Amino acid sequence: MESCKHEVLTLIPIKSNKLRCRHCHLTITEEELAGGCCPECLAVHKVRRNDFEKITAADSGTTRYCCESCGMVIEC
């Protein structure tokens, strides 16, 4: 098997569709939320809260690269 030095890397953008409740900090996808209120706040505090912030790629803490030579995905 040939050893690749991964000299040419391409940044793989992270697409995030996650939201974080500003009150209880529950992280949920937009699809799971479906335009409703925070299920955690409703279940625990009996309060309907719709105050969410969108989680960006920078918040995820992981950067992914793809080696142009061998196709390996590298996370750091």
N, C-alpha and C. Protein backbone atom coordinates (compact mmCIF):
# COMPACT_ATOMS: atom_id res chain seq x y z
N MET A 1 0.83 -1.18 0.00
CA MET A 1 0.00 0.00 0.00
C MET A 1 0.88 1.24 0.00
N GLU A 2 0.57 2.19 -0.88
CA GLU A 2 1.36 3.41 -1.00
C GLU A 2 1.02 4.37 0.14
N SER A 3 2.05 5.00 0.70
CA SER A 3 1.86 5.94 1.79
C SER A 3 1.68 7.35 1.24
N CYS A 4 0.61 8.03 1.63
CA CYS A 4 0.32 9.39 1.17
C CYS A 4 0.76 10.37 2.25
N LYS A 5 1.39 11.47 1.85
CA LYS A 5 1.85 12.48 2.80
C LYS A 5 0.81 13.57 3.03
N HIS A 6 -0.33 13.50 2.34
CA HIS A 6 -1.42 14.46 2.49
C HIS A 6 -0.92 15.90 2.35
N GLU A 7 -0.25 16.17 1.24
CA GLU A 7 0.35 17.49 1.04
C GLU A 7 -0.65 18.52 0.50
N VAL A 8 -1.68 18.08 -0.20
CA VAL A 8 -2.68 19.01 -0.75
C VAL A 8 -4.03 18.72 -0.09
N LEU A 9 -4.46 19.60 0.80
CA LEU A 9 -5.70 19.41 1.54
C LEU A 9 -6.73 20.46 1.13
N THR A 10 -7.98 20.06 1.12
CA THR A 10 -9.09 20.97 0.83
C THR A 10 -10.00 21.00 2.05
N LEU A 11 -10.35 22.21 2.49
CA LEU A 11 -11.25 22.37 3.63
C LEU A 11 -12.65 21.93 3.24
N ILE A 12 -13.26 21.10 4.08
CA ILE A 12 -14.64 20.65 3.86
C ILE A 12 -15.53 21.52 4.74
N PRO A 13 -16.40 22.34 4.13
CA PRO A 13 -17.27 23.19 4.96
C PRO A 13 -18.30 22.36 5.72
N ILE A 14 -18.58 22.78 6.94
CA ILE A 14 -19.56 22.09 7.77
C ILE A 14 -20.88 22.82 7.63
N LYS A 15 -21.90 22.09 7.22
CA LYS A 15 -23.23 22.67 7.10
C LYS A 15 -23.98 22.33 8.37
N SER A 16 -24.39 23.36 9.06
CA SER A 16 -25.09 23.13 10.31
C SER A 16 -26.54 23.58 10.20
N ASN A 17 -27.43 22.72 10.59
CA ASN A 17 -28.84 23.08 10.65
C ASN A 17 -29.34 22.93 12.08
N LYS A 18 -28.43 23.11 13.03
CA LYS A 18 -28.79 22.92 14.42
C LYS A 18 -29.07 24.25 15.09
N LEU A 19 -29.96 24.18 16.07
CA LEU A 19 -30.35 25.34 16.86
C LEU A 19 -30.10 25.03 18.33
N ARG A 20 -29.81 26.08 19.12
CA ARG A 20 -29.58 25.90 20.56
C ARG A 20 -30.55 26.82 21.31
N CYS A 21 -31.27 26.27 22.24
CA CYS A 21 -32.19 27.05 23.06
C CYS A 21 -31.37 28.01 23.93
N ARG A 22 -31.75 29.27 23.96
CA ARG A 22 -31.03 30.27 24.74
C ARG A 22 -31.28 30.12 26.24
N HIS A 23 -32.24 29.31 26.63
CA HIS A 23 -32.58 29.15 28.05
C HIS A 23 -32.00 27.87 28.64
N CYS A 24 -32.33 26.73 28.03
CA CYS A 24 -31.87 25.44 28.59
C CYS A 24 -30.68 24.86 27.82
N HIS A 25 -30.31 25.48 26.70
CA HIS A 25 -29.16 25.09 25.87
C HIS A 25 -29.33 23.74 25.18
N LEU A 26 -30.55 23.29 25.02
CA LEU A 26 -30.82 22.08 24.24
C LEU A 26 -30.40 22.34 22.80
N THR A 27 -29.70 21.38 22.21
CA THR A 27 -29.30 21.47 20.80
C THR A 27 -30.19 20.52 20.01
N ILE A 28 -30.82 21.05 18.95
CA ILE A 28 -31.79 20.30 18.19
C ILE A 28 -31.73 20.74 16.73
N THR A 29 -32.04 19.85 15.81
CA THR A 29 -32.03 20.23 14.40
C THR A 29 -33.32 20.99 14.08
N GLU A 30 -33.26 21.76 13.01
CA GLU A 30 -34.44 22.50 12.57
C GLU A 30 -35.58 21.55 12.21
N GLU A 31 -35.24 20.39 11.64
CA GLU A 31 -36.26 19.41 11.28
C GLU A 31 -36.95 18.84 12.52
N GLU A 32 -36.18 18.55 13.56
CA GLU A 32 -36.76 18.02 14.79
C GLU A 32 -37.65 19.05 15.47
N LEU A 33 -37.26 20.30 15.42
CA LEU A 33 -38.03 21.37 16.04
C LEU A 33 -39.32 21.63 15.28
N ALA A 34 -39.24 21.58 13.96
CA ALA A 34 -40.40 21.75 13.07
C ALA A 34 -41.21 23.00 13.37
N GLY A 35 -40.50 24.09 13.69
CA GLY A 35 -41.17 25.36 13.91
C GLY A 35 -41.87 25.49 15.25
N GLY A 36 -41.71 24.51 16.12
CA GLY A 36 -42.38 24.54 17.42
C GLY A 36 -41.53 25.16 18.50
N CYS A 37 -41.96 24.97 19.73
CA CYS A 37 -41.22 25.50 20.87
C CYS A 37 -40.18 24.48 21.34
N CYS A 38 -39.35 24.89 22.28
CA CYS A 38 -38.31 24.01 22.82
C CYS A 38 -38.97 22.88 23.62
N PRO A 39 -38.76 21.62 23.23
CA PRO A 39 -39.40 20.51 23.94
C PRO A 39 -38.88 20.33 25.37
N GLU A 40 -37.63 20.68 25.61
CA GLU A 40 -37.05 20.54 26.95
C GLU A 40 -37.66 21.57 27.91
N CYS A 41 -37.75 22.82 27.47
CA CYS A 41 -38.35 23.87 28.31
C CYS A 41 -39.81 23.56 28.59
N LEU A 42 -40.51 23.03 27.59
CA LEU A 42 -41.91 22.70 27.77
C LEU A 42 -42.08 21.54 28.76
N ALA A 43 -41.25 20.51 28.64
CA ALA A 43 -41.36 19.33 29.51
C ALA A 43 -40.93 19.63 30.95
N VAL A 44 -39.84 20.37 31.12
CA VAL A 44 -39.30 20.59 32.46
C VAL A 44 -39.92 21.79 33.16
N HIS A 45 -40.02 22.91 32.43
CA HIS A 45 -40.47 24.17 33.05
C HIS A 45 -41.91 24.54 32.72
N LYS A 46 -42.56 23.75 31.85
CA LYS A 46 -43.93 24.01 31.41
C LYS A 46 -44.08 25.41 30.79
N VAL A 47 -43.01 25.84 30.06
CA VAL A 47 -43.00 27.15 29.41
C VAL A 47 -42.68 26.94 27.93
N ARG A 48 -43.47 27.57 27.06
CA ARG A 48 -43.23 27.49 25.61
C ARG A 48 -42.23 28.58 25.23
N ARG A 49 -41.01 28.16 24.89
CA ARG A 49 -39.97 29.11 24.50
C ARG A 49 -39.56 28.86 23.06
N ASN A 50 -39.45 29.93 22.31
CA ASN A 50 -39.06 29.86 20.89
C ASN A 50 -37.80 30.67 20.63
N ASP A 51 -36.98 30.86 21.65
CA ASP A 51 -35.79 31.69 21.54
C ASP A 51 -34.57 30.80 21.28
N PHE A 52 -34.20 30.65 20.01
CA PHE A 52 -33.10 29.79 19.62
C PHE A 52 -32.01 30.59 18.92
N GLU A 53 -30.78 30.08 19.00
CA GLU A 53 -29.68 30.64 18.22
C GLU A 53 -29.16 29.56 17.30
N LYS A 54 -28.77 29.96 16.10
CA LYS A 54 -28.26 29.01 15.11
C LYS A 54 -26.80 28.69 15.45
N ILE A 55 -26.46 27.42 15.44
CA ILE A 55 -25.09 26.99 15.71
C ILE A 55 -24.32 27.05 14.40
N THR A 56 -23.21 27.76 14.41
CA THR A 56 -22.39 27.88 13.21
C THR A 56 -21.31 26.82 13.19
N ALA A 57 -20.64 26.70 12.06
CA ALA A 57 -19.56 25.72 11.91
C ALA A 57 -18.44 26.00 12.90
N ALA A 58 -18.20 27.26 13.22
CA ALA A 58 -17.14 27.61 14.16
C ALA A 58 -17.46 27.09 15.56
N ASP A 59 -18.74 26.96 15.90
CA ASP A 59 -19.15 26.46 17.21
C ASP A 59 -18.97 24.96 17.37
N SER A 60 -18.85 24.25 16.25
CA SER A 60 -18.78 22.79 16.32
C SER A 60 -17.46 22.29 16.87
N GLY A 61 -16.38 23.07 16.74
CA GLY A 61 -15.08 22.70 17.29
C GLY A 61 -14.29 21.71 16.46
N THR A 62 -14.81 21.29 15.32
CA THR A 62 -14.12 20.33 14.47
C THR A 62 -13.92 20.91 13.08
N THR A 63 -12.71 20.75 12.56
CA THR A 63 -12.41 21.17 11.20
C THR A 63 -12.08 19.92 10.40
N ARG A 64 -12.65 19.81 9.20
CA ARG A 64 -12.44 18.63 8.36
C ARG A 64 -11.77 19.03 7.06
N TYR A 65 -10.80 18.21 6.65
CA TYR A 65 -10.08 18.41 5.40
C TYR A 65 -10.14 17.12 4.60
N CYS A 66 -10.04 17.25 3.28
CA CYS A 66 -9.98 16.09 2.39
C CYS A 66 -8.66 16.14 1.63
N CYS A 67 -7.92 15.05 1.63
CA CYS A 67 -6.66 14.96 0.89
C CYS A 67 -7.00 14.82 -0.59
N GLU A 68 -6.44 15.70 -1.43
CA GLU A 68 -6.70 15.67 -2.87
C GLU A 68 -6.05 14.46 -3.53
N SER A 69 -5.01 13.92 -2.93
CA SER A 69 -4.29 12.79 -3.53
C SER A 69 -4.98 11.45 -3.29
N CYS A 70 -5.34 11.19 -2.03
CA CYS A 70 -5.88 9.87 -1.71
C CYS A 70 -7.37 9.88 -1.32
N GLY A 71 -7.93 11.06 -1.07
CA GLY A 71 -9.34 11.17 -0.72
C GLY A 71 -9.66 10.96 0.75
N MET A 72 -8.65 10.79 1.59
CA MET A 72 -8.87 10.57 3.01
C MET A 72 -9.41 11.85 3.66
N VAL A 73 -10.39 11.69 4.57
CA VAL A 73 -10.94 12.82 5.33
C VAL A 73 -10.21 12.89 6.67
N ILE A 74 -9.68 14.07 6.98
CA ILE A 74 -8.90 14.28 8.19
C ILE A 74 -9.64 15.28 9.06
N GLU A 75 -9.90 14.91 10.33
CA GLU A 75 -10.55 15.80 11.28
C GLU A 75 -9.54 16.27 12.30
N CYS A 76 -9.61 17.55 12.63
CA CYS A 76 -8.73 18.09 13.68
C CYS A 76 -9.42 19.18 14.44
